[in-house]
Amino acid sequence: MTENTSDSSLQSRRETVHEIIGRASIAMLTTRTASGSLHARPLAIVTRDSEPSALYFFTGHPSEKTDELAAFPLVNVSISESKGYLSLTGSASVTRDAALIDELWNPGAEAWFEGGKIDPSVALIRVDLAAAEYWDTDKPAIAKAVEFVRGLTSDHEPDMGEHGTVTL
């Protein structure tokens, strides 16, 4: 699907992406390894209202993933939650900005770092989002199942909700 460039449509698509992000708590961050293969891992999503086109993830640094990001900063972030799915592309960087770590610190991060937010291994992965492909549905699970079965048993494509792409 191509992106509709009218201002209201573009804004609506971006809002859909941000709504799906806001409903999710975990994302799969996919990096490229030194051998060129892809490596995905689940990480807790952290956002800032002041940066709608950036996602953050707490991480230990140095680590395999931060080494991968230093070599190949282009990443994919995939999100699945009960009412939608996202495939996000962007460029990642690692920061140890103490003020930012303090601002974004949360109980979930506390579980991973023995020394708390002053643990010397605490860092943030920042993903500057470039584009998103989304699937958004407000249908209950049973309605989605019926649509899926309908698609299997007829020549009608299932209506699984809204689908689109958008630059961020």
N, C-alpha and C. Protein backbone atom coordinates (compact mmCIF):
# COMPACT_ATOMS: atom_id res chain seq x y z
N MET A 1 0.84 -1.16 0.00
CA MET A 1 0.00 0.00 0.00
C MET A 1 0.89 1.24 0.00
N THR A 2 0.60 2.21 -0.82
CA THR A 2 1.40 3.41 -0.87
C THR A 2 0.87 4.42 0.12
N GLU A 3 1.76 5.30 0.54
CA GLU A 3 1.39 6.29 1.54
C GLU A 3 0.59 7.42 0.91
N ASN A 4 -0.54 7.73 1.50
CA ASN A 4 -1.34 8.88 1.10
C ASN A 4 -0.71 10.10 1.73
N THR A 5 -0.41 11.11 0.94
CA THR A 5 0.35 12.24 1.45
C THR A 5 -0.51 13.43 1.89
N SER A 6 -1.83 13.32 1.88
CA SER A 6 -2.63 14.44 2.38
C SER A 6 -2.32 14.60 3.87
N ASP A 7 -2.27 15.86 4.32
CA ASP A 7 -1.89 16.14 5.71
C ASP A 7 -2.76 15.40 6.72
N SER A 8 -4.07 15.38 6.52
CA SER A 8 -4.96 14.73 7.49
C SER A 8 -4.78 13.22 7.48
N SER A 9 -4.61 12.63 6.31
CA SER A 9 -4.40 11.20 6.22
C SER A 9 -3.06 10.81 6.83
N LEU A 10 -2.02 11.59 6.54
CA LEU A 10 -0.69 11.32 7.09
C LEU A 10 -0.73 11.41 8.62
N GLN A 11 -1.37 12.44 9.13
CA GLN A 11 -1.47 12.61 10.58
C GLN A 11 -2.28 11.46 11.20
N SER A 12 -3.34 11.05 10.55
CA SER A 12 -4.16 9.94 11.05
C SER A 12 -3.35 8.63 11.10
N ARG A 13 -2.57 8.38 10.07
CA ARG A 13 -1.73 7.17 10.04
C ARG A 13 -0.68 7.21 11.15
N ARG A 14 -0.07 8.37 11.33
CA ARG A 14 0.92 8.50 12.40
C ARG A 14 0.28 8.30 13.77
N GLU A 15 -0.93 8.82 13.95
CA GLU A 15 -1.64 8.63 15.22
C GLU A 15 -1.94 7.16 15.45
N THR A 16 -2.32 6.44 14.40
CA THR A 16 -2.57 5.00 14.52
C THR A 16 -1.32 4.28 14.99
N VAL A 17 -0.18 4.60 14.39
CA VAL A 17 1.09 3.98 14.79
C VAL A 17 1.37 4.27 16.27
N HIS A 18 1.22 5.52 16.69
CA HIS A 18 1.51 5.88 18.08
C HIS A 18 0.51 5.25 19.06
N GLU A 19 -0.72 5.06 18.63
CA GLU A 19 -1.70 4.38 19.49
C GLU A 19 -1.30 2.92 19.71
N ILE A 20 -0.86 2.25 18.65
CA ILE A 20 -0.43 0.86 18.79
C ILE A 20 0.80 0.78 19.70
N ILE A 21 1.77 1.68 19.50
CA ILE A 21 2.94 1.70 20.38
C ILE A 21 2.50 1.91 21.82
N GLY A 22 1.58 2.84 22.04
CA GLY A 22 1.12 3.16 23.39
C GLY A 22 0.41 2.01 24.09
N ARG A 23 -0.19 1.12 23.32
CA ARG A 23 -0.90 -0.03 23.90
C ARG A 23 0.05 -1.19 24.20
N ALA A 24 1.24 -1.16 23.63
CA ALA A 24 2.18 -2.28 23.76
C ALA A 24 3.17 -2.02 24.88
N SER A 25 3.73 -3.08 25.42
CA SER A 25 4.77 -2.93 26.43
C SER A 25 6.10 -3.56 26.01
N ILE A 26 6.04 -4.52 25.09
CA ILE A 26 7.23 -5.23 24.64
C ILE A 26 7.32 -5.15 23.11
N ALA A 27 8.55 -5.01 22.63
CA ALA A 27 8.81 -5.02 21.19
C ALA A 27 9.93 -6.01 20.92
N MET A 28 10.00 -6.47 19.69
CA MET A 28 11.13 -7.28 19.25
C MET A 28 12.06 -6.36 18.47
N LEU A 29 13.29 -6.21 18.97
CA LEU A 29 14.30 -5.40 18.30
C LEU A 29 15.17 -6.34 17.49
N THR A 30 15.24 -6.10 16.17
CA THR A 30 16.05 -6.96 15.30
C THR A 30 17.27 -6.19 14.84
N THR A 31 18.44 -6.79 15.11
CA THR A 31 19.72 -6.22 14.72
C THR A 31 20.40 -7.17 13.74
N ARG A 32 21.47 -6.69 13.14
CA ARG A 32 22.28 -7.52 12.23
C ARG A 32 23.57 -7.89 12.96
N THR A 33 23.90 -9.18 12.92
CA THR A 33 25.12 -9.66 13.57
C THR A 33 26.34 -9.42 12.69
N ALA A 34 27.51 -9.64 13.23
CA ALA A 34 28.75 -9.47 12.47
C ALA A 34 28.79 -10.38 11.25
N SER A 35 28.15 -11.56 11.34
CA SER A 35 28.13 -12.48 10.20
C SER A 35 27.06 -12.13 9.17
N GLY A 36 26.23 -11.12 9.50
CA GLY A 36 25.20 -10.69 8.56
C GLY A 36 23.83 -11.27 8.83
N SER A 37 23.71 -12.20 9.77
CA SER A 37 22.39 -12.76 10.07
C SER A 37 21.61 -11.78 10.95
N LEU A 38 20.31 -12.03 11.05
CA LEU A 38 19.44 -11.17 11.85
C LEU A 38 19.24 -11.79 13.23
N HIS A 39 19.16 -10.94 14.25
CA HIS A 39 18.99 -11.40 15.62
C HIS A 39 17.91 -10.54 16.27
N ALA A 40 16.81 -11.17 16.66
CA ALA A 40 15.70 -10.45 17.30
C ALA A 40 15.64 -10.82 18.77
N ARG A 41 15.31 -9.83 19.59
CA ARG A 41 15.16 -10.08 21.01
C ARG A 41 14.08 -9.17 21.58
N PRO A 42 13.35 -9.66 22.60
CA PRO A 42 12.29 -8.84 23.20
C PRO A 42 12.88 -7.83 24.17
N LEU A 43 12.37 -6.61 24.10
CA LEU A 43 12.78 -5.55 25.01
C LEU A 43 11.55 -4.72 25.39
N ALA A 44 11.57 -4.18 26.61
CA ALA A 44 10.48 -3.33 27.08
C ALA A 44 10.57 -1.96 26.43
N ILE A 45 9.44 -1.49 25.94
CA ILE A 45 9.35 -0.20 25.25
C ILE A 45 9.29 0.94 26.26
N VAL A 46 10.08 1.98 25.99
CA VAL A 46 10.02 3.21 26.77
C VAL A 46 9.88 4.35 25.76
N THR A 47 8.95 5.26 26.01
CA THR A 47 8.74 6.39 25.10
C THR A 47 8.80 7.71 25.85
N ARG A 48 8.97 8.78 25.09
CA ARG A 48 8.90 10.14 25.62
C ARG A 48 7.89 10.90 24.78
N ASP A 49 6.95 11.59 25.42
CA ASP A 49 5.97 12.38 24.69
C ASP A 49 6.63 13.44 23.82
N SER A 50 7.77 13.94 24.27
CA SER A 50 8.46 15.01 23.53
C SER A 50 9.17 14.49 22.28
N GLU A 51 9.26 13.16 22.12
CA GLU A 51 9.93 12.57 20.96
C GLU A 51 9.06 11.47 20.36
N PRO A 52 8.01 11.85 19.64
CA PRO A 52 7.09 10.84 19.12
C PRO A 52 7.68 9.91 18.07
N SER A 53 8.81 10.26 17.50
CA SER A 53 9.42 9.40 16.48
C SER A 53 10.67 8.69 16.99
N ALA A 54 10.70 8.46 18.31
CA ALA A 54 11.83 7.73 18.90
C ALA A 54 11.29 6.73 19.91
N LEU A 55 11.93 5.57 19.96
CA LEU A 55 11.67 4.57 20.99
C LEU A 55 12.95 4.35 21.76
N TYR A 56 12.80 4.00 23.03
CA TYR A 56 13.96 3.71 23.87
C TYR A 56 13.80 2.32 24.47
N PHE A 57 14.95 1.69 24.73
CA PHE A 57 15.00 0.40 25.39
C PHE A 57 16.19 0.42 26.35
N PHE A 58 15.98 0.02 27.61
CA PHE A 58 17.10 -0.12 28.52
C PHE A 58 17.90 -1.35 28.12
N THR A 59 19.22 -1.25 28.27
CA THR A 59 20.10 -2.37 27.93
C THR A 59 21.38 -2.29 28.73
N GLY A 60 22.06 -3.40 28.82
CA GLY A 60 23.39 -3.40 29.38
C GLY A 60 24.39 -3.03 28.30
N HIS A 61 25.43 -2.31 28.68
CA HIS A 61 26.45 -1.90 27.71
C HIS A 61 27.80 -1.93 28.39
N PRO A 62 28.76 -2.61 27.82
CA PRO A 62 28.76 -3.23 26.50
C PRO A 62 28.03 -4.57 26.51
N SER A 63 27.56 -4.95 25.33
CA SER A 63 26.88 -6.23 25.17
C SER A 63 26.92 -6.60 23.69
N GLU A 64 26.50 -7.81 23.41
CA GLU A 64 26.44 -8.27 22.02
C GLU A 64 25.55 -7.34 21.19
N LYS A 65 24.40 -6.97 21.74
CA LYS A 65 23.48 -6.14 20.95
C LYS A 65 24.02 -4.75 20.71
N THR A 66 24.71 -4.16 21.71
CA THR A 66 25.25 -2.82 21.49
C THR A 66 26.43 -2.86 20.51
N ASP A 67 27.18 -3.97 20.52
CA ASP A 67 28.24 -4.14 19.51
C ASP A 67 27.62 -4.22 18.11
N GLU A 68 26.52 -4.98 17.99
CA GLU A 68 25.84 -5.10 16.69
C GLU A 68 25.33 -3.75 16.21
N LEU A 69 24.78 -2.95 17.13
CA LEU A 69 24.25 -1.63 16.75
C LEU A 69 25.36 -0.67 16.34
N ALA A 70 26.52 -0.78 16.97
CA ALA A 70 27.65 0.08 16.59
C ALA A 70 28.10 -0.23 15.16
N ALA A 71 28.05 -1.50 14.79
CA ALA A 71 28.47 -1.90 13.44
C ALA A 71 27.40 -1.69 12.39
N PHE A 72 26.15 -1.96 12.75
CA PHE A 72 25.01 -1.88 11.81
C PHE A 72 23.83 -1.19 12.53
N PRO A 73 23.73 0.12 12.46
CA PRO A 73 22.69 0.82 13.23
C PRO A 73 21.26 0.69 12.70
N LEU A 74 21.08 0.20 11.47
CA LEU A 74 19.72 0.07 10.95
C LEU A 74 19.04 -1.13 11.59
N VAL A 75 17.82 -0.91 12.10
CA VAL A 75 17.11 -1.96 12.84
C VAL A 75 15.66 -2.04 12.41
N ASN A 76 15.03 -3.13 12.82
CA ASN A 76 13.59 -3.29 12.72
C ASN A 76 13.07 -3.49 14.13
N VAL A 77 11.94 -2.87 14.42
CA VAL A 77 11.25 -3.05 15.68
C VAL A 77 9.86 -3.57 15.34
N SER A 78 9.51 -4.74 15.85
CA SER A 78 8.17 -5.27 15.58
C SER A 78 7.39 -5.32 16.88
N ILE A 79 6.12 -4.97 16.76
CA ILE A 79 5.23 -4.90 17.92
C ILE A 79 3.95 -5.65 17.57
N SER A 80 3.52 -6.47 18.51
CA SER A 80 2.24 -7.17 18.39
C SER A 80 1.48 -6.97 19.69
N GLU A 81 0.27 -6.49 19.58
CA GLU A 81 -0.60 -6.38 20.76
C GLU A 81 -2.01 -6.72 20.31
N SER A 82 -2.94 -6.82 21.22
CA SER A 82 -4.24 -7.40 20.91
C SER A 82 -5.01 -6.71 19.79
N LYS A 83 -4.75 -5.44 19.54
CA LYS A 83 -5.51 -4.72 18.52
C LYS A 83 -4.66 -4.23 17.35
N GLY A 84 -3.42 -4.67 17.28
CA GLY A 84 -2.61 -4.18 16.17
C GLY A 84 -1.22 -4.75 16.12
N TYR A 85 -0.58 -4.50 15.00
CA TYR A 85 0.77 -4.96 14.73
C TYR A 85 1.53 -3.84 14.05
N LEU A 86 2.84 -3.76 14.34
CA LEU A 86 3.69 -2.77 13.71
C LEU A 86 5.00 -3.41 13.26
N SER A 87 5.49 -2.95 12.14
CA SER A 87 6.85 -3.22 11.71
C SER A 87 7.48 -1.85 11.47
N LEU A 88 8.43 -1.49 12.33
CA LEU A 88 9.05 -0.16 12.30
C LEU A 88 10.50 -0.28 11.85
N THR A 89 10.94 0.64 11.03
CA THR A 89 12.34 0.69 10.65
C THR A 89 12.95 1.97 11.19
N GLY A 90 14.23 1.91 11.48
CA GLY A 90 14.89 3.09 12.00
C GLY A 90 16.36 2.86 12.21
N SER A 91 16.99 3.86 12.78
CA SER A 91 18.42 3.83 13.07
C SER A 91 18.61 3.90 14.58
N ALA A 92 19.45 3.00 15.10
CA ALA A 92 19.63 2.91 16.55
C ALA A 92 20.99 3.45 16.97
N SER A 93 21.00 3.97 18.18
CA SER A 93 22.25 4.41 18.80
C SER A 93 22.16 4.07 20.29
N VAL A 94 23.30 4.06 20.94
CA VAL A 94 23.36 3.74 22.36
C VAL A 94 23.81 4.99 23.10
N THR A 95 23.13 5.30 24.21
CA THR A 95 23.50 6.45 25.02
C THR A 95 23.57 6.06 26.49
N ARG A 96 24.45 6.74 27.19
CA ARG A 96 24.56 6.59 28.65
C ARG A 96 24.24 7.92 29.32
N ASP A 97 23.44 8.74 28.67
CA ASP A 97 23.06 10.05 29.20
C ASP A 97 22.36 9.86 30.55
N ALA A 98 23.01 10.27 31.63
CA ALA A 98 22.50 10.04 32.98
C ALA A 98 21.15 10.71 33.22
N ALA A 99 20.97 11.92 32.69
CA ALA A 99 19.70 12.63 32.88
C ALA A 99 18.56 11.90 32.17
N LEU A 100 18.83 11.39 30.98
CA LEU A 100 17.81 10.65 30.23
C LEU A 100 17.50 9.32 30.92
N ILE A 101 18.53 8.63 31.39
CA ILE A 101 18.31 7.37 32.12
C ILE A 101 17.46 7.64 33.35
N ASP A 102 17.76 8.71 34.08
CA ASP A 102 16.99 9.06 35.27
C ASP A 102 15.53 9.36 34.91
N GLU A 103 15.32 10.10 33.83
CA GLU A 103 13.96 10.46 33.39
C GLU A 103 13.14 9.22 33.01
N LEU A 104 13.76 8.26 32.33
CA LEU A 104 13.03 7.11 31.80
C LEU A 104 13.05 5.89 32.72
N TRP A 105 13.80 5.96 33.82
CA TRP A 105 13.92 4.83 34.73
C TRP A 105 12.55 4.39 35.22
N ASN A 106 12.35 3.08 35.32
CA ASN A 106 11.06 2.54 35.74
C ASN A 106 11.30 1.22 36.49
N PRO A 107 10.27 0.71 37.18
CA PRO A 107 10.45 -0.52 37.94
C PRO A 107 10.88 -1.72 37.08
N GLY A 108 10.46 -1.76 35.84
CA GLY A 108 10.89 -2.84 34.96
C GLY A 108 12.38 -2.83 34.72
N ALA A 109 12.95 -1.65 34.57
CA ALA A 109 14.40 -1.54 34.38
C ALA A 109 15.15 -1.94 35.64
N GLU A 110 14.58 -1.62 36.78
CA GLU A 110 15.21 -1.93 38.06
C GLU A 110 15.52 -3.42 38.19
N ALA A 111 14.65 -4.26 37.65
CA ALA A 111 14.83 -5.71 37.76
C ALA A 111 16.08 -6.21 37.05
N TRP A 112 16.56 -5.47 36.06
CA TRP A 112 17.68 -5.94 35.24
C TRP A 112 19.04 -5.42 35.67
N PHE A 113 19.06 -4.42 36.53
CA PHE A 113 20.33 -3.79 36.89
C PHE A 113 20.50 -3.78 38.39
N GLU A 114 21.44 -4.60 38.86
CA GLU A 114 21.68 -4.78 40.30
C GLU A 114 21.96 -3.46 41.00
N GLY A 115 22.69 -2.58 40.34
CA GLY A 115 23.06 -1.30 40.95
C GLY A 115 22.06 -0.19 40.70
N GLY A 116 20.86 -0.53 40.20
CA GLY A 116 19.86 0.50 39.90
C GLY A 116 20.30 1.39 38.76
N LYS A 117 19.74 2.59 38.72
CA LYS A 117 20.02 3.46 37.57
C LYS A 117 21.45 4.00 37.55
N ILE A 118 22.19 3.81 38.65
CA ILE A 118 23.59 4.23 38.63
C ILE A 118 24.53 3.06 38.34
N ASP A 119 23.96 1.90 38.03
CA ASP A 119 24.77 0.74 37.64
C ASP A 119 25.62 1.16 36.44
N PRO A 120 26.92 0.89 36.45
CA PRO A 120 27.77 1.34 35.34
C PRO A 120 27.45 0.70 33.99
N SER A 121 26.68 -0.38 33.99
CA SER A 121 26.34 -1.01 32.70
C SER A 121 25.04 -0.48 32.09
N VAL A 122 24.31 0.37 32.80
CA VAL A 122 23.03 0.87 32.30
C VAL A 122 23.24 1.79 31.10
N ALA A 123 22.48 1.49 30.05
CA ALA A 123 22.48 2.34 28.85
C ALA A 123 21.08 2.30 28.25
N LEU A 124 20.85 3.17 27.31
CA LEU A 124 19.60 3.18 26.56
C LEU A 124 19.91 3.01 25.08
N ILE A 125 19.10 2.18 24.43
CA ILE A 125 19.10 2.13 22.97
C ILE A 125 18.03 3.12 22.52
N ARG A 126 18.40 4.03 21.67
CA ARG A 126 17.44 4.97 21.09
C ARG A 126 17.26 4.57 19.64
N VAL A 127 16.01 4.37 19.23
CA VAL A 127 15.72 4.08 17.83
C VAL A 127 14.97 5.28 17.26
N ASP A 128 15.61 5.94 16.30
CA ASP A 128 14.96 7.03 15.58
C ASP A 128 14.17 6.39 14.45
N LEU A 129 12.86 6.44 14.57
CA LEU A 129 11.97 5.75 13.62
C LEU A 129 11.90 6.48 12.29
N ALA A 130 12.00 5.71 11.22
CA ALA A 130 11.93 6.29 9.88
C ALA A 130 10.59 5.99 9.21
N ALA A 131 10.10 4.76 9.35
CA ALA A 131 8.87 4.37 8.67
C ALA A 131 8.18 3.26 9.44
N ALA A 132 6.90 3.11 9.17
CA ALA A 132 6.11 2.07 9.84
C ALA A 132 5.14 1.45 8.86
N GLU A 133 4.94 0.15 9.01
CA GLU A 133 3.83 -0.54 8.37
C GLU A 133 2.98 -1.04 9.52
N TYR A 134 1.67 -0.82 9.41
CA TYR A 134 0.80 -1.17 10.53
C TYR A 134 -0.43 -1.93 10.07
N TRP A 135 -0.97 -2.68 11.00
CA TRP A 135 -2.24 -3.37 10.86
C TRP A 135 -2.99 -3.06 12.13
N ASP A 136 -4.12 -2.40 12.04
CA ASP A 136 -4.87 -1.95 13.21
C ASP A 136 -6.29 -2.47 13.11
N THR A 137 -6.75 -3.10 14.19
CA THR A 137 -8.12 -3.58 14.20
C THR A 137 -8.71 -3.42 15.58
N ASP A 138 -9.96 -3.03 15.62
CA ASP A 138 -10.64 -2.95 16.91
C ASP A 138 -11.64 -4.09 17.05
N LYS A 139 -11.54 -5.06 16.15
CA LYS A 139 -12.45 -6.20 16.20
C LYS A 139 -12.07 -7.14 17.33
N PRO A 140 -13.06 -7.72 18.01
CA PRO A 140 -12.75 -8.73 19.01
C PRO A 140 -12.13 -9.97 18.36
N ALA A 141 -11.44 -10.75 19.15
CA ALA A 141 -10.73 -11.94 18.63
C ALA A 141 -11.67 -12.87 17.87
N ILE A 142 -12.89 -13.04 18.35
CA ILE A 142 -13.83 -13.96 17.68
C ILE A 142 -14.19 -13.43 16.29
N ALA A 143 -14.34 -12.11 16.16
CA ALA A 143 -14.65 -11.53 14.85
C ALA A 143 -13.48 -11.69 13.89
N LYS A 144 -12.25 -11.55 14.40
CA LYS A 144 -11.08 -11.77 13.55
C LYS A 144 -11.01 -13.23 13.11
N ALA A 145 -11.34 -14.14 14.01
CA ALA A 145 -11.34 -15.57 13.67
C ALA A 145 -12.37 -15.87 12.59
N VAL A 146 -13.55 -15.28 12.71
CA VAL A 146 -14.60 -15.48 11.70
C VAL A 146 -14.13 -14.96 10.35
N GLU A 147 -13.52 -13.79 10.32
CA GLU A 147 -13.00 -13.22 9.07
C GLU A 147 -11.95 -14.14 8.46
N PHE A 148 -11.08 -14.68 9.30
CA PHE A 148 -10.03 -15.57 8.82
C PHE A 148 -10.63 -16.82 8.18
N VAL A 149 -11.59 -17.43 8.87
CA VAL A 149 -12.26 -18.63 8.34
C VAL A 149 -13.00 -18.30 7.06
N ARG A 150 -13.64 -17.14 7.02
CA ARG A 150 -14.34 -16.69 5.81
C ARG A 150 -13.37 -16.63 4.64
N GLY A 151 -12.17 -16.13 4.88
CA GLY A 151 -11.17 -16.06 3.82
C GLY A 151 -10.72 -17.43 3.36
N LEU A 152 -10.66 -18.38 4.29
CA LEU A 152 -10.26 -19.74 3.94
C LEU A 152 -11.32 -20.48 3.13
N THR A 153 -12.58 -20.17 3.39
CA THR A 153 -13.68 -20.94 2.81
C THR A 153 -14.38 -20.24 1.65
N SER A 154 -13.87 -19.09 1.24
CA SER A 154 -14.50 -18.38 0.13
C SER A 154 -13.42 -17.67 -0.68
N ASP A 155 -13.86 -16.93 -1.68
CA ASP A 155 -12.90 -16.18 -2.48
C ASP A 155 -12.78 -14.73 -1.99
N HIS A 156 -13.26 -14.46 -0.77
CA HIS A 156 -13.17 -13.12 -0.18
C HIS A 156 -11.94 -13.01 0.70
N GLU A 157 -11.20 -11.92 0.50
CA GLU A 157 -10.06 -11.66 1.39
C GLU A 157 -10.61 -11.25 2.75
N PRO A 158 -10.06 -11.79 3.84
CA PRO A 158 -10.57 -11.43 5.16
C PRO A 158 -10.34 -9.95 5.47
N ASP A 159 -11.29 -9.32 6.13
CA ASP A 159 -11.15 -7.94 6.57
C ASP A 159 -10.61 -7.97 7.99
N MET A 160 -9.30 -7.83 8.11
CA MET A 160 -8.65 -7.92 9.41
C MET A 160 -8.39 -6.54 10.02
N GLY A 161 -8.88 -5.49 9.39
CA GLY A 161 -8.71 -4.14 9.92
C GLY A 161 -7.96 -3.25 8.95
N GLU A 162 -7.53 -2.12 9.45
CA GLU A 162 -6.84 -1.11 8.64
C GLU A 162 -5.37 -1.48 8.48
N HIS A 163 -4.85 -1.29 7.29
CA HIS A 163 -3.44 -1.57 6.99
C HIS A 163 -2.87 -0.39 6.23
N GLY A 164 -1.65 0.00 6.58
CA GLY A 164 -1.04 1.10 5.85
C GLY A 164 0.43 1.25 6.17
N THR A 165 1.05 2.18 5.48
CA THR A 165 2.44 2.54 5.74
C THR A 165 2.52 4.04 5.93
N VAL A 166 3.55 4.46 6.65
CA VAL A 166 3.70 5.89 6.90
C VAL A 166 5.17 6.18 7.25
N THR A 167 5.66 7.33 6.78
CA THR A 167 6.96 7.78 7.22
C THR A 167 6.77 8.52 8.55
N LEU A 168 7.76 8.44 9.39
CA LEU A 168 7.63 9.02 10.73
C LEU A 168 8.58 10.19 10.94
